[in-house]
Amino acid sequence: MSWVVDTSVLLDIVLNDAVFGKPTADLLTKYKPDGLGACPVSYIELAPVFRGVTADAEVFLKGISVDWREPWQLADSERAFSGWHRAVQRKRQTGGFRRPVADVLIGAFALRFDGLLTRNAADFKILFPTLNLVEP
């Protein structure tokens, strides 16, 4: 796996989003030769879409060539720890920055790879300034 696919991108595909579905599909097609994967957190975030049926989620991910089985590592936790600190500091300073902890975990995971395919690159850039980000 070279590129991590954010949950927002996966949702664009599975829900056939009217605005982002096609550009997101094109983005995945472009980066597919490099290898696509998802953070275990994104897999978990997909549960409501698939009514909690893991087999359905796995069929979907396999169908779009996204591997979610890369294990979480200690270094991911350490990067997430720092990223969450930055998120809380930013919120205290500006009062306007709100990101769920899931984004911190996904961004920390993506730092091990070539980058993150996401629809909210600006938010990830604040959390992880060195993370390579690509938007549809």
C-alpha atoms as a PDB file:
ATOM      1  CA  MET A   1       0.000   0.000   0.000  1.00  0.00           C
ATOM      2  CA  SER A   2       1.315   3.422  -0.913  1.00  0.00           C
ATOM      3  CA  TRP A   3      -1.661   5.745  -0.531  1.00  0.00           C
ATOM      4  CA  VAL A   4      -4.131   5.853   2.327  1.00  0.00           C
ATOM      5  CA  VAL A   5      -7.731   6.570   1.352  1.00  0.00           C
ATOM      6  CA  ASP A   6      -9.642   8.746   3.816  1.00  0.00           C
ATOM      7  CA  THR A   7     -13.129   7.800   4.959  1.00  0.00           C
ATOM      8  CA  SER A   8     -14.640  10.799   3.123  1.00  0.00           C
ATOM      9  CA  VAL A   9     -13.324   9.408  -0.169  1.00  0.00           C
ATOM     10  CA  LEU A  10     -14.645   5.927   0.573  1.00  0.00           C
ATOM     11  CA  LEU A  11     -18.054   7.370   1.410  1.00  0.00           C
ATOM     12  CA  ASP A  12     -18.101   9.345  -1.859  1.00  0.00           C
ATOM     13  CA  ILE A  13     -17.765   6.061  -3.730  1.00  0.00           C
ATOM     14  CA  VAL A  14     -20.081   3.822  -1.725  1.00  0.00           C
ATOM     15  CA  LEU A  15     -22.814   6.473  -1.536  1.00  0.00           C
ATOM     16  CA  ASN A  16     -22.281   7.580  -5.150  1.00  0.00           C
ATOM     17  CA  ASP A  17     -22.107  11.198  -4.034  1.00  0.00           C
ATOM     18  CA  ALA A  18     -23.681  13.481  -6.644  1.00  0.00           C
ATOM     19  CA  VAL A  19     -20.879  16.059  -6.433  1.00  0.00           C
ATOM     20  CA  PHE A  20     -17.786  14.097  -5.453  1.00  0.00           C
ATOM     21  CA  GLY A  21     -18.527  10.555  -6.652  1.00  0.00           C
ATOM     22  CA  LYS A  22     -17.027  10.879 -10.143  1.00  0.00           C
ATOM     23  CA  PRO A  23     -13.973  13.005  -9.240  1.00  0.00           C
ATOM     24  CA  THR A  24     -13.261  10.676  -6.335  1.00  0.00           C
ATOM     25  CA  ALA A  25     -13.543   7.581  -8.537  1.00  0.00           C
ATOM     26  CA  ASP A  26     -11.131   9.212 -10.998  1.00  0.00           C
ATOM     27  CA  LEU A  27      -8.715   9.935  -8.154  1.00  0.00           C
ATOM     28  CA  LEU A  28      -8.745   6.311  -7.009  1.00  0.00           C
ATOM     29  CA  THR A  29      -8.210   5.124 -10.580  1.00  0.00           C
ATOM     30  CA  LYS A  30      -5.188   7.422 -10.907  1.00  0.00           C
ATOM     31  CA  TYR A  31      -3.523   6.210  -7.684  1.00  0.00           C
ATOM     32  CA  LYS A  32      -4.590   2.552  -7.830  1.00  0.00           C
ATOM     33  CA  PRO A  33      -1.351   1.427  -9.565  1.00  0.00           C
ATOM     34  CA  ASP A  34       0.633   2.715  -6.554  1.00  0.00           C
ATOM     35  CA  GLY A  35      -1.513   0.704  -4.139  1.00  0.00           C
ATOM     36  CA  LEU A  36      -4.448   1.882  -2.037  1.00  0.00           C
ATOM     37  CA  GLY A  37      -5.211   1.198   1.582  1.00  0.00           C
ATOM     38  CA  ALA A  38      -7.357   2.417   4.432  1.00  0.00           C
ATOM     39  CA  CYS A  39      -6.595   3.004   8.053  1.00  0.00           C
ATOM     40  CA  PRO A  40      -8.374   0.528  10.344  1.00  0.00           C
ATOM     41  CA  VAL A  41     -10.263   3.561  11.715  1.00  0.00           C
ATOM     42  CA  SER A  42     -11.786   4.247   8.282  1.00  0.00           C
ATOM     43  CA  TYR A  43     -12.911   0.636   8.080  1.00  0.00           C
ATOM     44  CA  ILE A  44     -14.691   1.099  11.403  1.00  0.00           C
ATOM     45  CA  GLU A  45     -16.252   4.383  10.244  1.00  0.00           C
ATOM     46  CA  LEU A  46     -17.838   2.511   7.327  1.00  0.00           C
ATOM     47  CA  ALA A  47     -19.849   0.253   9.651  1.00  0.00           C
ATOM     48  CA  PRO A  48     -23.107   2.259   9.530  1.00  0.00           C
ATOM     49  CA  VAL A  49     -23.132   2.274   5.719  1.00  0.00           C
ATOM     50  CA  PHE A  50     -22.879  -1.503   5.658  1.00  0.00           C
ATOM     51  CA  ARG A  51     -25.307  -2.038   8.556  1.00  0.00           C
ATOM     52  CA  GLY A  52     -22.483  -3.508  10.596  1.00  0.00           C
ATOM     53  CA  VAL A  53     -21.963  -6.376   8.145  1.00  0.00           C
ATOM     54  CA  THR A  54     -18.200  -6.783   7.768  1.00  0.00           C
ATOM     55  CA  ALA A  55     -18.507  -9.088   4.770  1.00  0.00           C
ATOM     56  CA  ASP A  56     -20.303  -6.357   2.802  1.00  0.00           C
ATOM     57  CA  ALA A  57     -17.660  -3.778   3.700  1.00  0.00           C
ATOM     58  CA  GLU A  58     -14.904  -6.143   2.659  1.00  0.00           C
ATOM     59  CA  VAL A  59     -16.566  -6.873  -0.699  1.00  0.00           C
ATOM     60  CA  PHE A  60     -16.833  -3.128  -1.327  1.00  0.00           C
ATOM     61  CA  LEU A  61     -13.208  -2.424  -0.389  1.00  0.00           C
ATOM     62  CA  LYS A  62     -11.898  -5.346  -2.408  1.00  0.00           C
ATOM     63  CA  GLY A  63     -13.970  -4.158  -5.378  1.00  0.00           C
ATOM     64  CA  ILE A  64     -12.228  -0.786  -5.359  1.00  0.00           C
ATOM     65  CA  SER A  65      -8.809  -2.314  -4.575  1.00  0.00           C
ATOM     66  CA  VAL A  66      -8.474  -0.761  -1.112  1.00  0.00           C
ATOM     67  CA  ASP A  67      -6.736  -2.918   1.495  1.00  0.00           C
ATOM     68  CA  TRP A  68      -7.698  -2.085   5.073  1.00  0.00           C
ATOM     69  CA  ARG A  69      -5.706  -4.840   6.791  1.00  0.00           C
ATOM     70  CA  GLU A  70      -2.455  -2.937   7.409  1.00  0.00           C
ATOM     71  CA  PRO A  71      -1.994  -3.103  11.185  1.00  0.00           C
ATOM     72  CA  TRP A  72      -1.788  -0.106  13.473  1.00  0.00           C
ATOM     73  CA  GLN A  73       1.728   0.406  14.855  1.00  0.00           C
ATOM     74  CA  LEU A  74       3.211   1.993  17.944  1.00  0.00           C
ATOM     75  CA  ALA A  75       4.673   4.784  15.801  1.00  0.00           C
ATOM     76  CA  ASP A  76       1.130   5.556  14.578  1.00  0.00           C
ATOM     77  CA  SER A  77       0.053   6.067  18.189  1.00  0.00           C
ATOM     78  CA  GLU A  78       3.003   8.345  18.840  1.00  0.00           C
ATOM     79  CA  ARG A  79       2.223  10.468  15.760  1.00  0.00           C
ATOM     80  CA  ALA A  80      -1.466  10.562  16.702  1.00  0.00           C
ATOM     81  CA  PHE A  81      -0.532  11.708  20.200  1.00  0.00           C
ATOM     82  CA  SER A  82       1.350  14.678  18.743  1.00  0.00           C
ATOM     83  CA  GLY A  83      -1.381  15.374  16.189  1.00  0.00           C
ATOM     84  CA  TRP A  84      -4.094  15.447  18.841  1.00  0.00           C
ATOM     85  CA  HIS A  85      -1.986  17.836  20.892  1.00  0.00           C
ATOM     86  CA  ARG A  86      -1.753  20.165  17.862  1.00  0.00           C
ATOM     87  CA  ALA A  87      -5.517  19.905  17.311  1.00  0.00           C
ATOM     88  CA  VAL A  88      -6.333  20.832  20.894  1.00  0.00           C
ATOM     89  CA  GLN A  89      -3.795  23.668  20.899  1.00  0.00           C
ATOM     90  CA  ARG A  90      -5.277  25.022  17.674  1.00  0.00           C
ATOM     91  CA  LYS A  91      -8.774  24.873  19.119  1.00  0.00           C
ATOM     92  CA  ARG A  92      -7.659  26.723  22.241  1.00  0.00           C
ATOM     93  CA  GLN A  93      -5.945  29.414  20.169  1.00  0.00           C
ATOM     94  CA  THR A  94      -8.598  29.980  17.522  1.00  0.00           C
ATOM     95  CA  GLY A  95     -11.705  28.452  19.040  1.00  0.00           C
ATOM     96  CA  GLY A  96     -12.745  27.396  15.572  1.00  0.00           C
ATOM     97  CA  PHE A  97     -10.911  24.213  14.727  1.00  0.00           C
ATOM     98  CA  ARG A  98     -12.921  21.035  15.231  1.00  0.00           C
ATOM     99  CA  ARG A  99     -11.769  17.668  13.984  1.00  0.00           C
ATOM    100  CA  PRO A 100     -12.774  14.320  15.330  1.00  0.00           C
ATOM    101  CA  VAL A 101     -10.096  12.142  16.862  1.00  0.00           C
ATOM    102  CA  ALA A 102     -10.687   9.716  13.967  1.00  0.00           C
ATOM    103  CA  ASP A 103      -9.057  12.222  11.589  1.00  0.00           C
ATOM    104  CA  VAL A 104      -6.041  12.434  13.878  1.00  0.00           C
ATOM    105  CA  LEU A 105      -5.719   8.652  13.835  1.00  0.00           C
ATOM    106  CA  ILE A 106      -6.140   8.433  10.054  1.00  0.00           C
ATOM    107  CA  GLY A 107      -3.590  11.192   9.439  1.00  0.00           C
ATOM    108  CA  ALA A 108      -1.059   9.625  11.804  1.00  0.00           C
ATOM    109  CA  PHE A 109      -1.471   6.286  10.037  1.00  0.00           C
ATOM    110  CA  ALA A 110      -1.079   7.903   6.601  1.00  0.00           C
ATOM    111  CA  LEU A 111       2.291   9.388   7.556  1.00  0.00           C
ATOM    112  CA  ARG A 112       3.824   5.924   7.091  1.00  0.00           C
ATOM    113  CA  PHE A 113       2.842   5.888   3.430  1.00  0.00           C
ATOM    114  CA  ASP A 114       3.050   8.161   0.375  1.00  0.00           C
ATOM    115  CA  GLY A 115       0.173  10.263   1.607  1.00  0.00           C
ATOM    116  CA  LEU A 116      -3.572  10.603   2.045  1.00  0.00           C
ATOM    117  CA  LEU A 117      -6.320  10.866  -0.560  1.00  0.00           C
ATOM    118  CA  THR A 118      -8.940  13.040   1.119  1.00  0.00           C
ATOM    119  CA  ARG A 119     -11.600  15.663   0.586  1.00  0.00           C
ATOM    120  CA  ASN A 120     -10.536  17.753   3.579  1.00  0.00           C
ATOM    121  CA  ALA A 121      -6.843  18.334   2.966  1.00  0.00           C
ATOM    122  CA  ALA A 122      -6.805  21.728   4.707  1.00  0.00           C
ATOM    123  CA  ASP A 123      -7.803  20.170   8.023  1.00  0.00           C
ATOM    124  CA  PHE A 124      -5.211  17.409   7.771  1.00  0.00           C
ATOM    125  CA  LYS A 125      -2.534  19.971   6.869  1.00  0.00           C
ATOM    126  CA  ILE A 126      -3.099  21.679  10.219  1.00  0.00           C
ATOM    127  CA  LEU A 127      -2.827  18.381  12.085  1.00  0.00           C
ATOM    128  CA  PHE A 128       0.109  16.974  10.106  1.00  0.00           C
ATOM    129  CA  PRO A 129       2.013  19.665   8.192  1.00  0.00           C
ATOM    130  CA  THR A 130       4.344  17.151   6.504  1.00  0.00           C
ATOM    131  CA  LEU A 131       1.617  14.782   5.301  1.00  0.00           C
ATOM    132  CA  ASN A 132       1.324  14.576   1.513  1.00  0.00           C
ATOM    133  CA  LEU A 133      -2.336  15.275   0.694  1.00  0.00           C
ATOM    134  CA  VAL A 134      -4.262  14.828  -2.557  1.00  0.00           C
ATOM    135  CA  GLU A 135      -7.850  15.917  -3.139  1.00  0.00           C
ATOM    136  CA  PRO A 136     -10.227  14.881  -5.920  1.00  0.00           C
END
